[in-house]
PDB file of all heavy atoms in Angstrom:
ATOM      1  N   ALA A   1     -88.246 -12.085 -85.506  1.00  0.00           N
ATOM      2  CA  ALA A   1     -86.834 -11.718 -85.440  1.00  0.00           C
ATOM      3  C   ALA A   1     -86.084 -12.035 -84.097  1.00  0.00           C
ATOM      4  O   ALA A   1     -85.024 -12.453 -84.049  1.00  0.00           O
ATOM      5  CB  ALA A   1     -86.729 -10.189 -85.750  1.00  0.00           C
ATOM      6  N   PHE A   2     -86.844 -11.841 -82.961  1.00  0.00           N
ATOM      7  CA  PHE A   2     -86.403 -12.224 -81.726  1.00  0.00           C
ATOM      8  C   PHE A   2     -86.378 -13.662 -81.534  1.00  0.00           C
ATOM      9  O   PHE A   2     -85.342 -14.273 -81.086  1.00  0.00           O
ATOM     10  CB  PHE A   2     -87.137 -11.550 -80.568  1.00  0.00           C
ATOM     11  CG  PHE A   2     -86.996 -10.023 -80.483  1.00  0.00           C
ATOM     12  CD1 PHE A   2     -87.965  -9.204 -81.046  1.00  0.00           C
ATOM     13  CD2 PHE A   2     -85.894  -9.593 -79.917  1.00  0.00           C
ATOM     14  CE1 PHE A   2     -87.755  -7.848 -80.938  1.00  0.00           C
ATOM     15  CE2 PHE A   2     -85.699  -8.226 -79.740  1.00  0.00           C
ATOM     16  CZ  PHE A   2     -86.675  -7.341 -80.315  1.00  0.00           C
ATOM     17  N   GLN A   3     -87.368 -14.373 -82.013  1.00  0.00           N
ATOM     18  CA  GLN A   3     -87.334 -15.843 -81.928  1.00  0.00           C
ATOM     19  C   GLN A   3     -86.180 -16.448 -82.645  1.00  0.00           C
ATOM     20  O   GLN A   3     -85.465 -17.288 -82.079  1.00  0.00           O
ATOM     21  CB  GLN A   3     -88.671 -16.412 -82.550  1.00  0.00           C
ATOM     22  CG  GLN A   3     -88.715 -17.900 -82.436  1.00  0.00           C
ATOM     23  CD  GLN A   3     -90.050 -18.524 -83.047  1.00  0.00           C
ATOM     24  OE1 GLN A   3     -90.944 -17.722 -83.401  1.00  0.00           O
ATOM     25  NE2 GLN A   3     -90.085 -19.745 -83.202  1.00  0.00           N
ATOM     26  N   LYS A   4     -85.834 -15.864 -83.855  1.00  0.00           N
ATOM     27  CA  LYS A   4     -84.675 -16.487 -84.552  1.00  0.00           C
ATOM     28  C   LYS A   4     -83.336 -16.115 -83.790  1.00  0.00           C
ATOM     29  O   LYS A   4     -82.557 -16.976 -83.707  1.00  0.00           O
ATOM     30  CB  LYS A   4     -84.548 -15.739 -85.935  1.00  0.00           C
ATOM     31  CG  LYS A   4     -83.466 -16.078 -86.813  1.00  0.00           C
ATOM     32  CD  LYS A   4     -83.573 -15.345 -88.271  1.00  0.00           C
ATOM     33  CE  LYS A   4     -82.397 -15.855 -89.083  1.00  0.00           C
ATOM     34  NZ  LYS A   4     -81.107 -15.379 -88.667  1.00  0.00           N
ATOM     35  N   ALA A   5     -83.230 -14.927 -83.222  1.00  0.00           N
ATOM     36  CA  ALA A   5     -82.091 -14.664 -82.382  1.00  0.00           C
ATOM     37  C   ALA A   5     -81.872 -15.616 -81.226  1.00  0.00           C
ATOM     38  O   ALA A   5     -80.782 -16.163 -80.923  1.00  0.00           O
ATOM     39  CB  ALA A   5     -82.165 -13.283 -81.952  1.00  0.00           C
ATOM     40  N   TYR A   6     -83.025 -15.740 -80.521  1.00  0.00           N
ATOM     41  CA  TYR A   6     -83.061 -16.768 -79.320  1.00  0.00           C
ATOM     42  C   TYR A   6     -82.699 -18.191 -79.789  1.00  0.00           C
ATOM     43  O   TYR A   6     -81.957 -18.825 -79.059  1.00  0.00           O
ATOM     44  CB  TYR A   6     -84.446 -16.663 -78.672  1.00  0.00           C
ATOM     45  CG  TYR A   6     -84.920 -15.337 -78.130  1.00  0.00           C
ATOM     46  CD1 TYR A   6     -86.208 -15.022 -78.147  1.00  0.00           C
ATOM     47  CD2 TYR A   6     -83.928 -14.351 -77.724  1.00  0.00           C
ATOM     48  CE1 TYR A   6     -86.642 -13.733 -77.609  1.00  0.00           C
ATOM     49  CE2 TYR A   6     -84.429 -13.123 -77.264  1.00  0.00           C
ATOM     50  CZ  TYR A   6     -85.692 -12.803 -77.188  1.00  0.00           C
ATOM     51  OH  TYR A   6     -86.102 -11.588 -76.759  1.00  0.00           O
ATOM     52  N   GLU A   7     -83.284 -18.642 -80.839  1.00  0.00           N
ATOM     53  CA  GLU A   7     -83.096 -20.076 -81.275  1.00  0.00           C
ATOM     54  C   GLU A   7     -81.562 -20.224 -81.669  1.00  0.00           C
ATOM     55  O   GLU A   7     -80.953 -21.259 -81.345  1.00  0.00           O
ATOM     56  CB  GLU A   7     -83.961 -20.375 -82.420  1.00  0.00           C
ATOM     57  CG  GLU A   7     -85.430 -20.508 -81.957  1.00  0.00           C
ATOM     58  CD  GLU A   7     -86.357 -20.824 -83.058  1.00  0.00           C
ATOM     59  OE1 GLU A   7     -85.952 -20.537 -84.223  1.00  0.00           O
ATOM     60  OE2 GLU A   7     -87.535 -21.266 -82.860  1.00  0.00           O
ATOM     61  N   GLU A   8     -80.956 -19.141 -82.271  1.00  0.00           N
ATOM     62  CA  GLU A   8     -79.590 -19.336 -82.597  1.00  0.00           C
ATOM     63  C   GLU A   8     -78.654 -19.447 -81.451  1.00  0.00           C
ATOM     64  O   GLU A   8     -77.793 -20.286 -81.313  1.00  0.00           O
ATOM     65  CB  GLU A   8     -79.096 -18.118 -83.478  1.00  0.00           C
ATOM     66  CG  GLU A   8     -79.731 -18.156 -84.993  1.00  0.00           C
ATOM     67  CD  GLU A   8     -79.427 -16.929 -85.791  1.00  0.00           C
ATOM     68  OE1 GLU A   8     -78.775 -16.016 -85.231  1.00  0.00           O
ATOM     69  OE2 GLU A   8     -79.722 -16.930 -86.950  1.00  0.00           O
ATOM     70  N   LEU A   9     -79.003 -18.677 -80.482  1.00  0.00           N
ATOM     71  CA  LEU A   9     -78.186 -18.712 -79.135  1.00  0.00           C
ATOM     72  C   LEU A   9     -78.449 -20.076 -78.453  1.00  0.00           C
ATOM     73  O   LEU A   9     -77.455 -20.655 -77.940  1.00  0.00           O
ATOM     74  CB  LEU A   9     -78.601 -17.476 -78.321  1.00  0.00           C
ATOM     75  CG  LEU A   9     -78.153 -16.158 -78.737  1.00  0.00           C
ATOM     76  CD1 LEU A   9     -78.635 -15.105 -77.844  1.00  0.00           C
ATOM     77  CD2 LEU A   9     -76.648 -16.099 -78.793  1.00  0.00           C
ATOM     78  N   ARG A  10     -79.715 -20.522 -78.389  1.00  0.00           N
ATOM     79  CA  ARG A  10     -79.997 -21.822 -77.812  1.00  0.00           C
ATOM     80  C   ARG A  10     -79.218 -22.923 -78.517  1.00  0.00           C
ATOM     81  O   ARG A  10     -78.672 -23.787 -77.897  1.00  0.00           O
ATOM     82  CB  ARG A  10     -81.477 -22.114 -77.958  1.00  0.00           C
ATOM     83  CG  ARG A  10     -81.956 -23.447 -77.451  1.00  0.00           C
ATOM     84  CD  ARG A  10     -83.264 -23.790 -78.054  1.00  0.00           C
ATOM     85  NE  ARG A  10     -83.191 -23.942 -79.449  1.00  0.00           N
ATOM     86  CZ  ARG A  10     -84.261 -23.986 -80.283  1.00  0.00           C
ATOM     87  NH1 ARG A  10     -85.503 -23.869 -79.916  1.00  0.00           N
ATOM     88  NH2 ARG A  10     -83.943 -24.156 -81.687  1.00  0.00           N
ATOM     89  N   ASP A  11     -79.227 -22.873 -79.747  1.00  0.00           N
ATOM     90  CA  ASP A  11     -78.575 -23.979 -80.561  1.00  0.00           C
ATOM     91  C   ASP A  11     -77.063 -23.912 -80.458  1.00  0.00           C
ATOM     92  O   ASP A  11     -76.290 -24.846 -80.671  1.00  0.00           O
ATOM     93  CB  ASP A  11     -78.902 -23.768 -82.084  1.00  0.00           C
ATOM     94  CG  ASP A  11     -80.378 -24.162 -82.362  1.00  0.00           C
ATOM     95  OD1 ASP A  11     -81.017 -24.667 -81.420  1.00  0.00           O
ATOM     96  OD2 ASP A  11     -80.810 -23.741 -83.443  1.00  0.00           O
ATOM     97  N   ALA A  12     -76.479 -22.655 -80.054  1.00  0.00           N
ATOM     98  CA  ALA A  12     -75.116 -22.408 -79.843  1.00  0.00           C
ATOM     99  C   ALA A  12     -74.602 -22.838 -78.471  1.00  0.00           C
ATOM    100  O   ALA A  12     -73.408 -22.724 -78.167  1.00  0.00           O
ATOM    101  CB  ALA A  12     -74.671 -21.106 -80.224  1.00  0.00           C
ATOM    102  N   GLY A  13     -75.601 -23.291 -77.613  1.00  0.00           N
ATOM    103  CA  GLY A  13     -75.290 -23.699 -76.341  1.00  0.00           C
ATOM    104  C   GLY A  13     -75.752 -22.784 -75.094  1.00  0.00           C
ATOM    105  O   GLY A  13     -75.390 -23.171 -73.956  1.00  0.00           O
ATOM    106  N   ALA A  14     -76.451 -21.731 -75.373  1.00  0.00           N
ATOM    107  CA  ALA A  14     -76.816 -20.834 -74.256  1.00  0.00           C
ATOM    108  C   ALA A  14     -77.873 -21.688 -73.450  1.00  0.00           C
ATOM    109  O   ALA A  14     -78.658 -22.539 -73.976  1.00  0.00           O
ATOM    110  CB  ALA A  14     -77.499 -19.631 -74.871  1.00  0.00           C
ATOM    111  N   GLU A  15     -77.824 -21.470 -72.214  1.00  0.00           N
ATOM    112  CA  GLU A  15     -78.769 -22.088 -71.214  1.00  0.00           C
ATOM    113  C   GLU A  15     -79.840 -21.135 -70.692  1.00  0.00           C
ATOM    114  O   GLU A  15     -80.806 -21.623 -70.275  1.00  0.00           O
ATOM    115  CB  GLU A  15     -77.915 -22.666 -70.099  1.00  0.00           C
ATOM    116  CG  GLU A  15     -76.984 -23.795 -70.454  1.00  0.00           C
ATOM    117  CD  GLU A  15     -76.114 -24.197 -69.378  1.00  0.00           C
ATOM    118  OE1 GLU A  15     -76.570 -24.068 -68.098  1.00  0.00           O
ATOM    119  OE2 GLU A  15     -74.957 -24.670 -69.511  1.00  0.00           O
ATOM    120  N   HIS A  16     -79.629 -19.913 -70.845  1.00  0.00           N
ATOM    121  CA  HIS A  16     -80.592 -18.865 -70.500  1.00  0.00           C
ATOM    122  C   HIS A  16     -80.272 -17.579 -71.245  1.00  0.00           C
ATOM    123  O   HIS A  16     -79.131 -17.385 -71.491  1.00  0.00           O
ATOM    124  CB  HIS A  16     -80.614 -18.581 -68.999  1.00  0.00           C
ATOM    125  CG  HIS A  16     -81.848 -17.828 -68.573  1.00  0.00           C
ATOM    126  ND1 HIS A  16     -82.922 -18.525 -67.868  1.00  0.00           N
ATOM    127  CD2 HIS A  16     -82.243 -16.590 -68.607  1.00  0.00           C
ATOM    128  CE1 HIS A  16     -83.868 -17.566 -67.666  1.00  0.00           C
ATOM    129  NE2 HIS A  16     -83.526 -16.415 -68.102  1.00  0.00           N
ATOM    130  N   ILE A  17     -81.241 -16.747 -71.536  1.00  0.00           N
ATOM    131  CA  ILE A  17     -81.089 -15.543 -72.222  1.00  0.00           C
ATOM    132  C   ILE A  17     -81.734 -14.417 -71.543  1.00  0.00           C
ATOM    133  O   ILE A  17     -82.797 -14.644 -70.978  1.00  0.00           O
ATOM    134  CB  ILE A  17     -81.739 -15.612 -73.724  1.00  0.00           C
ATOM    135  CG1 ILE A  17     -80.982 -16.624 -74.555  1.00  0.00           C
ATOM    136  CG2 ILE A  17     -81.718 -14.231 -74.349  1.00  0.00           C
ATOM    137  CD1 ILE A  17     -81.715 -17.045 -75.859  1.00  0.00           C
ATOM    138  N   ILE A  18     -81.026 -13.356 -71.330  1.00  0.00           N
ATOM    139  CA  ILE A  18     -81.592 -12.087 -70.824  1.00  0.00           C
ATOM    140  C   ILE A  18     -81.689 -11.181 -72.030  1.00  0.00           C
ATOM    141  O   ILE A  18     -80.659 -10.729 -72.616  1.00  0.00           O
ATOM    142  CB  ILE A  18     -80.699 -11.465 -69.652  1.00  0.00           C
ATOM    143  CG1 ILE A  18     -80.551 -12.471 -68.518  1.00  0.00           C
ATOM    144  CG2 ILE A  18     -81.401 -10.314 -69.171  1.00  0.00           C
ATOM    145  CD1 ILE A  18     -79.588 -12.070 -67.463  1.00  0.00           C
ATOM    146  N   SER A  19     -82.889 -10.699 -72.341  1.00  0.00           N
ATOM    147  CA  SER A  19     -83.079  -9.756 -73.473  1.00  0.00           C
ATOM    148  C   SER A  19     -83.523  -8.383 -72.923  1.00  0.00           C
ATOM    149  O   SER A  19     -84.581  -8.305 -72.341  1.00  0.00           O
ATOM    150  CB  SER A  19     -84.243 -10.414 -74.323  1.00  0.00           C
ATOM    151  OG  SER A  19     -84.349  -9.918 -75.648  1.00  0.00           O
ATOM    152  N   ILE A  20     -82.727  -7.485 -73.134  1.00  0.00           N
ATOM    153  CA  ILE A  20     -82.805  -6.140 -72.544  1.00  0.00           C
ATOM    154  C   ILE A  20     -83.166  -5.023 -73.577  1.00  0.00           C
ATOM    155  O   ILE A  20     -82.408  -4.895 -74.550  1.00  0.00           O
ATOM    156  CB  ILE A  20     -81.596  -5.700 -71.776  1.00  0.00           C
ATOM    157  CG1 ILE A  20     -81.195  -6.890 -70.717  1.00  0.00           C
ATOM    158  CG2 ILE A  20     -81.833  -4.405 -70.998  1.00  0.00           C
ATOM    159  CD1 ILE A  20     -79.843  -6.673 -70.131  1.00  0.00           C
ATOM    160  N   HIS A  21     -84.209  -4.255 -73.284  1.00  0.00           N
ATOM    161  CA  HIS A  21     -84.676  -3.426 -74.461  1.00  0.00           C
ATOM    162  C   HIS A  21     -85.065  -1.954 -74.079  1.00  0.00           C
ATOM    163  O   HIS A  21     -85.313  -1.705 -72.868  1.00  0.00           O
ATOM    164  CB  HIS A  21     -85.780  -4.052 -75.217  1.00  0.00           C
ATOM    165  CG  HIS A  21     -85.331  -5.445 -75.724  1.00  0.00           C
ATOM    166  ND1 HIS A  21     -84.540  -5.494 -76.771  1.00  0.00           N
ATOM    167  CD2 HIS A  21     -85.603  -6.680 -75.352  1.00  0.00           C
ATOM    168  CE1 HIS A  21     -84.255  -6.791 -77.067  1.00  0.00           C
ATOM    169  NE2 HIS A  21     -84.899  -7.500 -76.202  1.00  0.00           N
ATOM    170  N   ILE A  22     -85.272  -1.156 -75.056  1.00  0.00           N
ATOM    171  CA  ILE A  22     -85.716   0.244 -74.902  1.00  0.00           C
ATOM    172  C   ILE A  22     -87.078   0.267 -74.135  1.00  0.00           C
ATOM    173  O   ILE A  22     -87.889  -0.639 -74.253  1.00  0.00           O
ATOM    174  CB  ILE A  22     -85.808   0.885 -76.230  1.00  0.00           C
ATOM    175  CG1 ILE A  22     -86.326   2.468 -76.024  1.00  0.00           C
ATOM    176  CG2 ILE A  22     -86.798   0.206 -77.196  1.00  0.00           C
ATOM    177  CD1 ILE A  22     -86.336   3.213 -77.387  1.00  0.00           C
ATOM    178  N   SER A  23     -87.182   1.264 -73.342  1.00  0.00           N
ATOM    179  CA  SER A  23     -88.488   1.350 -72.405  1.00  0.00           C
ATOM    180  C   SER A  23     -89.711   1.190 -73.223  1.00  0.00           C
ATOM    181  O   SER A  23     -89.914   1.597 -74.312  1.00  0.00           O
ATOM    182  CB  SER A  23     -88.449   2.793 -71.820  1.00  0.00           C
ATOM    183  OG  SER A  23     -89.737   2.929 -71.086  1.00  0.00           O
ATOM    184  N   GLU A  24     -90.625   0.333 -72.625  1.00  0.00           N
ATOM    185  CA  GLU A  24     -91.847   0.020 -73.333  1.00  0.00           C
ATOM    186  C   GLU A  24     -92.816   1.286 -73.352  1.00  0.00           C
ATOM    187  O   GLU A  24     -93.790   1.264 -74.035  1.00  0.00           O
ATOM    188  CB  GLU A  24     -92.632  -1.115 -72.569  1.00  0.00           C
ATOM    189  CG  GLU A  24     -92.953  -0.864 -71.174  1.00  0.00           C
ATOM    190  CD  GLU A  24     -93.415  -2.110 -70.570  1.00  0.00           C
ATOM    191  OE1 GLU A  24     -93.943  -3.016 -71.371  1.00  0.00           O
ATOM    192  OE2 GLU A  24     -93.577  -2.320 -69.354  1.00  0.00           O
ATOM    193  N   THR A  25     -92.411   2.362 -72.636  1.00  0.00           N
ATOM    194  CA  THR A  25     -93.215   3.591 -72.779  1.00  0.00           C
ATOM    195  C   THR A  25     -92.807   4.286 -73.983  1.00  0.00           C
ATOM    196  O   THR A  25     -93.475   5.212 -74.387  1.00  0.00           O
ATOM    197  CB  THR A  25     -92.972   4.455 -71.483  1.00  0.00           C
ATOM    198  OG1 THR A  25     -91.590   4.918 -71.470  1.00  0.00           O
ATOM    199  CG2 THR A  25     -93.353   3.870 -70.277  1.00  0.00           C
ATOM    200  N   LEU A  26     -91.761   3.961 -74.608  1.00  0.00           N
ATOM    201  CA  LEU A  26     -91.362   4.555 -75.890  1.00  0.00           C
ATOM    202  C   LEU A  26     -91.475   3.723 -77.120  1.00  0.00           C
ATOM    203  O   LEU A  26     -91.399   4.261 -78.225  1.00  0.00           O
ATOM    204  CB  LEU A  26     -89.836   5.052 -75.809  1.00  0.00           C
ATOM    205  CG  LEU A  26     -89.548   5.983 -74.571  1.00  0.00           C
ATOM    206  CD1 LEU A  26     -87.977   6.233 -74.585  1.00  0.00           C
ATOM    207  CD2 LEU A  26     -90.177   7.260 -74.742  1.00  0.00           C
ATOM    208  N   SER A  27     -91.490   2.461 -76.982  1.00  0.00           N
ATOM    209  CA  SER A  27     -91.459   1.541 -78.182  1.00  0.00           C
ATOM    210  C   SER A  27     -92.188   0.224 -77.707  1.00  0.00           C
ATOM    211  O   SER A  27     -92.244  -0.183 -76.622  1.00  0.00           O
ATOM    212  CB  SER A  27     -90.101   1.264 -78.470  1.00  0.00           C
ATOM    213  OG  SER A  27     -89.861   0.222 -79.464  1.00  0.00           O
ATOM    214  N   ALA A  28     -92.682  -0.417 -78.776  1.00  0.00           N
ATOM    215  CA  ALA A  28     -93.241  -1.770 -78.618  1.00  0.00           C
ATOM    216  C   ALA A  28     -92.263  -2.863 -78.776  1.00  0.00           C
ATOM    217  O   ALA A  28     -92.649  -4.039 -78.789  1.00  0.00           O
ATOM    218  CB  ALA A  28     -94.416  -1.955 -79.691  1.00  0.00           C
ATOM    219  N   THR A  29     -90.966  -2.582 -78.842  1.00  0.00           N
ATOM    220  CA  THR A  29     -89.971  -3.576 -78.832  1.00  0.00           C
ATOM    221  C   THR A  29     -90.059  -4.603 -77.852  1.00  0.00           C
ATOM    222  O   THR A  29     -89.900  -5.810 -78.072  1.00  0.00           O
ATOM    223  CB  THR A  29     -88.599  -2.936 -78.864  1.00  0.00           C
ATOM    224  OG1 THR A  29     -88.514  -1.882 -79.969  1.00  0.00           O
ATOM    225  CG2 THR A  29     -87.452  -3.937 -79.093  1.00  0.00           C
ATOM    226  N   VAL A  30     -90.239  -4.255 -76.570  1.00  0.00           N
ATOM    227  CA  VAL A  30     -90.219  -5.219 -75.370  1.00  0.00           C
ATOM    228  C   VAL A  30     -91.476  -6.198 -75.693  1.00  0.00           C
ATOM    229  O   VAL A  30     -91.338  -7.343 -75.454  1.00  0.00           O
ATOM    230  CB  VAL A  30     -90.495  -4.498 -74.074  1.00  0.00           C
ATOM    231  CG1 VAL A  30     -90.884  -5.424 -72.947  1.00  0.00           C
ATOM    232  CG2 VAL A  30     -89.271  -3.715 -73.741  1.00  0.00           C
ATOM    233  N   ASP A  31     -92.536  -5.750 -76.130  1.00  0.00           N
ATOM    234  CA  ASP A  31     -93.698  -6.665 -76.443  1.00  0.00           C
ATOM    235  C   ASP A  31     -93.261  -7.666 -77.436  1.00  0.00           C
ATOM    236  O   ASP A  31     -93.682  -8.784 -77.402  1.00  0.00           O
ATOM    237  CB  ASP A  31     -94.925  -5.809 -76.797  1.00  0.00           C
ATOM    238  CG  ASP A  31     -95.626  -5.117 -75.724  1.00  0.00           C
ATOM    239  OD1 ASP A  31     -95.389  -5.415 -74.589  1.00  0.00           O
ATOM    240  OD2 ASP A  31     -96.284  -4.006 -75.985  1.00  0.00           O
ATOM    241  N   ALA A  32     -92.652  -7.201 -78.561  1.00  0.00           N
ATOM    242  CA  ALA A  32     -92.290  -8.166 -79.529  1.00  0.00           C
ATOM    243  C   ALA A  32     -91.225  -9.151 -79.036  1.00  0.00           C
ATOM    244  O   ALA A  32     -91.334 -10.283 -79.403  1.00  0.00           O
ATOM    245  CB  ALA A  32     -91.651  -7.361 -80.789  1.00  0.00           C
ATOM    246  N   ALA A  33     -90.327  -8.678 -78.145  1.00  0.00           N
ATOM    247  CA  ALA A  33     -89.424  -9.692 -77.603  1.00  0.00           C
ATOM    248  C   ALA A  33     -90.054 -10.601 -76.649  1.00  0.00           C
ATOM    249  O   ALA A  33     -89.705 -11.794 -76.696  1.00  0.00           O
ATOM    250  CB  ALA A  33     -88.386  -8.787 -76.768  1.00  0.00           C
ATOM    251  N   ARG A  34     -91.088 -10.152 -75.865  1.00  0.00           N
ATOM    252  CA  ARG A  34     -91.794 -11.092 -75.027  1.00  0.00           C
ATOM    253  C   ARG A  34     -92.587 -12.162 -75.797  1.00  0.00           C
ATOM    254  O   ARG A  34     -92.568 -13.270 -75.529  1.00  0.00           O
ATOM    255  CB  ARG A  34     -92.762 -10.296 -74.194  1.00  0.00           C
ATOM    256  CG  ARG A  34     -92.078  -9.482 -73.110  1.00  0.00           C
ATOM    257  CD  ARG A  34     -93.055  -8.637 -72.346  1.00  0.00           C
ATOM    258  NE  ARG A  34     -92.407  -7.854 -71.277  1.00  0.00           N
ATOM    259  CZ  ARG A  34     -92.851  -6.719 -70.819  1.00  0.00           C
ATOM    260  NH1 ARG A  34     -93.855  -6.184 -71.355  1.00  0.00           N
ATOM    261  NH2 ARG A  34     -92.256  -6.182 -69.806  1.00  0.00           N
ATOM    262  N   THR A  35     -93.172 -11.790 -77.014  1.00  0.00           N
ATOM    263  CA  THR A  35     -93.938 -12.667 -77.789  1.00  0.00           C
ATOM    264  C   THR A  35     -92.986 -13.671 -78.476  1.00  0.00           C
ATOM    265  O   THR A  35     -93.119 -14.817 -78.475  1.00  0.00           O
ATOM    266  CB  THR A  35     -94.737 -11.907 -78.885  1.00  0.00           C
ATOM    267  OG1 THR A  35     -95.676 -10.987 -78.313  1.00  0.00           O
ATOM    268  CG2 THR A  35     -95.439 -12.946 -79.752  1.00  0.00           C
ATOM    269  N   GLY A  36     -91.812 -13.130 -78.942  1.00  0.00           N
ATOM    270  CA  GLY A  36     -90.686 -13.977 -79.538  1.00  0.00           C
ATOM    271  C   GLY A  36     -90.184 -14.996 -78.511  1.00  0.00           C
ATOM    272  O   GLY A  36     -89.977 -16.181 -78.823  1.00  0.00           O
ATOM    273  N   ALA A  37     -90.074 -14.678 -77.256  1.00  0.00           N
ATOM    274  CA  ALA A  37     -89.678 -15.495 -76.183  1.00  0.00           C
ATOM    275  C   ALA A  37     -90.591 -16.635 -75.925  1.00  0.00           C
ATOM    276  O   ALA A  37     -90.369 -17.815 -75.714  1.00  0.00           O
ATOM    277  CB  ALA A  37     -89.431 -14.677 -74.895  1.00  0.00           C
ATOM    278  N   LYS A  38     -91.984 -16.296 -75.941  1.00  0.00           N
ATOM    279  CA  LYS A  38     -93.005 -17.351 -75.721  1.00  0.00           C
ATOM    280  C   LYS A  38     -93.008 -18.333 -76.798  1.00  0.00           C
ATOM    281  O   LYS A  38     -93.392 -19.494 -76.642  1.00  0.00           O
ATOM    282  CB  LYS A  38     -94.353 -16.638 -75.591  1.00  0.00           C
ATOM    283  CG  LYS A  38     -94.527 -15.817 -74.342  1.00  0.00           C
ATOM    284  CD  LYS A  38     -95.910 -15.157 -74.310  1.00  0.00           C
ATOM    285  CE  LYS A  38     -96.041 -14.256 -73.136  1.00  0.00           C
ATOM    286  NZ  LYS A  38     -97.357 -13.513 -73.049  1.00  0.00           N
ATOM    287  N   GLN A  39     -92.644 -17.951 -78.047  1.00  0.00           N
ATOM    288  CA  GLN A  39     -92.567 -18.780 -79.193  1.00  0.00           C
ATOM    289  C   GLN A  39     -91.330 -19.701 -79.314  1.00  0.00           C
ATOM    290  O   GLN A  39     -91.235 -20.578 -80.145  1.00  0.00           O
ATOM    291  CB  GLN A  39     -92.735 -17.873 -80.469  1.00  0.00           C
ATOM    292  CG  GLN A  39     -94.157 -17.160 -80.535  1.00  0.00           C
ATOM    293  CD  GLN A  39     -94.283 -16.262 -81.739  1.00  0.00           C
ATOM    294  OE1 GLN A  39     -95.238 -15.656 -81.936  1.00  0.00           O
ATOM    295  NE2 GLN A  39     -93.092 -16.064 -82.376  1.00  0.00           N
ATOM    296  N   THR A  40     -90.422 -19.390 -78.420  1.00  0.00           N
ATOM    297  CA  THR A  40     -89.138 -20.049 -78.434  1.00  0.00           C
ATOM    298  C   THR A  40     -89.090 -21.251 -77.564  1.00  0.00           C
ATOM    299  O   THR A  40     -89.267 -21.005 -76.274  1.00  0.00           O
ATOM    300  CB  THR A  40     -87.950 -19.144 -78.176  1.00  0.00           C
ATOM    301  OG1 THR A  40     -87.937 -17.997 -79.080  1.00  0.00           O
ATOM    302  CG2 THR A  40     -86.586 -19.910 -78.373  1.00  0.00           C
ATOM    303  N   GLU A  41     -88.834 -22.419 -77.998  1.00  0.00           N
ATOM    304  CA  GLU A  41     -88.836 -23.663 -77.202  1.00  0.00           C
ATOM    305  C   GLU A  41     -87.437 -24.057 -76.838  1.00  0.00           C
ATOM    306  O   GLU A  41     -86.565 -23.696 -77.509  1.00  0.00           O
ATOM    307  CB  GLU A  41     -89.573 -24.767 -77.858  1.00  0.00           C
ATOM    308  CG  GLU A  41     -91.072 -24.446 -78.235  1.00  0.00           C
ATOM    309  CD  GLU A  41     -91.680 -25.607 -79.046  1.00  0.00           C
ATOM    310  OE1 GLU A  41     -90.907 -26.509 -79.425  1.00  0.00           O
ATOM    311  OE2 GLU A  41     -92.903 -25.602 -79.167  1.00  0.00           O
ATOM    312  N   GLY A  42     -87.388 -24.700 -75.686  1.00  0.00           N
ATOM    313  CA  GLY A  42     -86.086 -25.297 -75.292  1.00  0.00           C
ATOM    314  C   GLY A  42     -85.112 -24.412 -74.507  1.00  0.00           C
ATOM    315  O   GLY A  42     -83.999 -24.918 -74.309  1.00  0.00           O
ATOM    316  N   ILE A  43     -85.449 -23.266 -74.120  1.00  0.00           N
ATOM    317  CA  ILE A  43     -84.581 -22.381 -73.375  1.00  0.00           C
ATOM    318  C   ILE A  43     -85.485 -21.393 -72.656  1.00  0.00           C
ATOM    319  O   ILE A  43     -86.470 -20.875 -73.195  1.00  0.00           O
ATOM    320  CB  ILE A  43     -83.644 -21.754 -74.329  1.00  0.00           C
ATOM    321  CG1 ILE A  43     -82.513 -20.953 -73.532  1.00  0.00           C
ATOM    322  CG2 ILE A  43     -84.282 -20.685 -75.322  1.00  0.00           C
ATOM    323  CD1 ILE A  43     -81.340 -20.439 -74.299  1.00  0.00           C
ATOM    324  N   ASP A  44     -84.961 -21.087 -71.396  1.00  0.00           N
ATOM    325  CA  ASP A  44     -85.664 -20.008 -70.653  1.00  0.00           C
ATOM    326  C   ASP A  44     -85.069 -18.611 -71.051  1.00  0.00           C
ATOM    327  O   ASP A  44     -83.939 -18.426 -71.231  1.00  0.00           O
ATOM    328  CB  ASP A  44     -85.385 -20.267 -69.106  1.00  0.00           C
ATOM    329  CG  ASP A  44     -86.120 -21.519 -68.609  1.00  0.00           C
ATOM    330  OD1 ASP A  44     -87.132 -21.772 -69.174  1.00  0.00           O
ATOM    331  OD2 ASP A  44     -85.538 -22.207 -67.644  1.00  0.00           O
ATOM    332  N   ILE A  45     -86.076 -17.623 -71.208  1.00  0.00           N
ATOM    333  CA  ILE A  45     -85.735 -16.297 -71.648  1.00  0.00           C
ATOM    334  C   ILE A  45     -86.381 -15.371 -70.701  1.00  0.00           C
ATOM    335  O   ILE A  45     -87.492 -15.338 -70.338  1.00  0.00           O
ATOM    336  CB  ILE A  45     -86.134 -16.016 -72.997  1.00  0.00           C
ATOM    337  CG1 ILE A  45     -85.594 -17.088 -74.031  1.00  0.00           C
ATOM    338  CG2 ILE A  45     -85.827 -14.617 -73.484  1.00  0.00           C
ATOM    339  CD1 ILE A  45     -86.146 -17.123 -75.305  1.00  0.00           C
TER     340      ILE A  45
END
């Protein structure tokens, strides 16, 4: 889900993405975002 969001922004012309999420002490969301970022090519996140 994060990879898809990142790729859409990349394809729309974004040069860098800052992805900001709920505390990792409360949720695994940050981990999912980090994995999605690693899987996304062509843009720094």
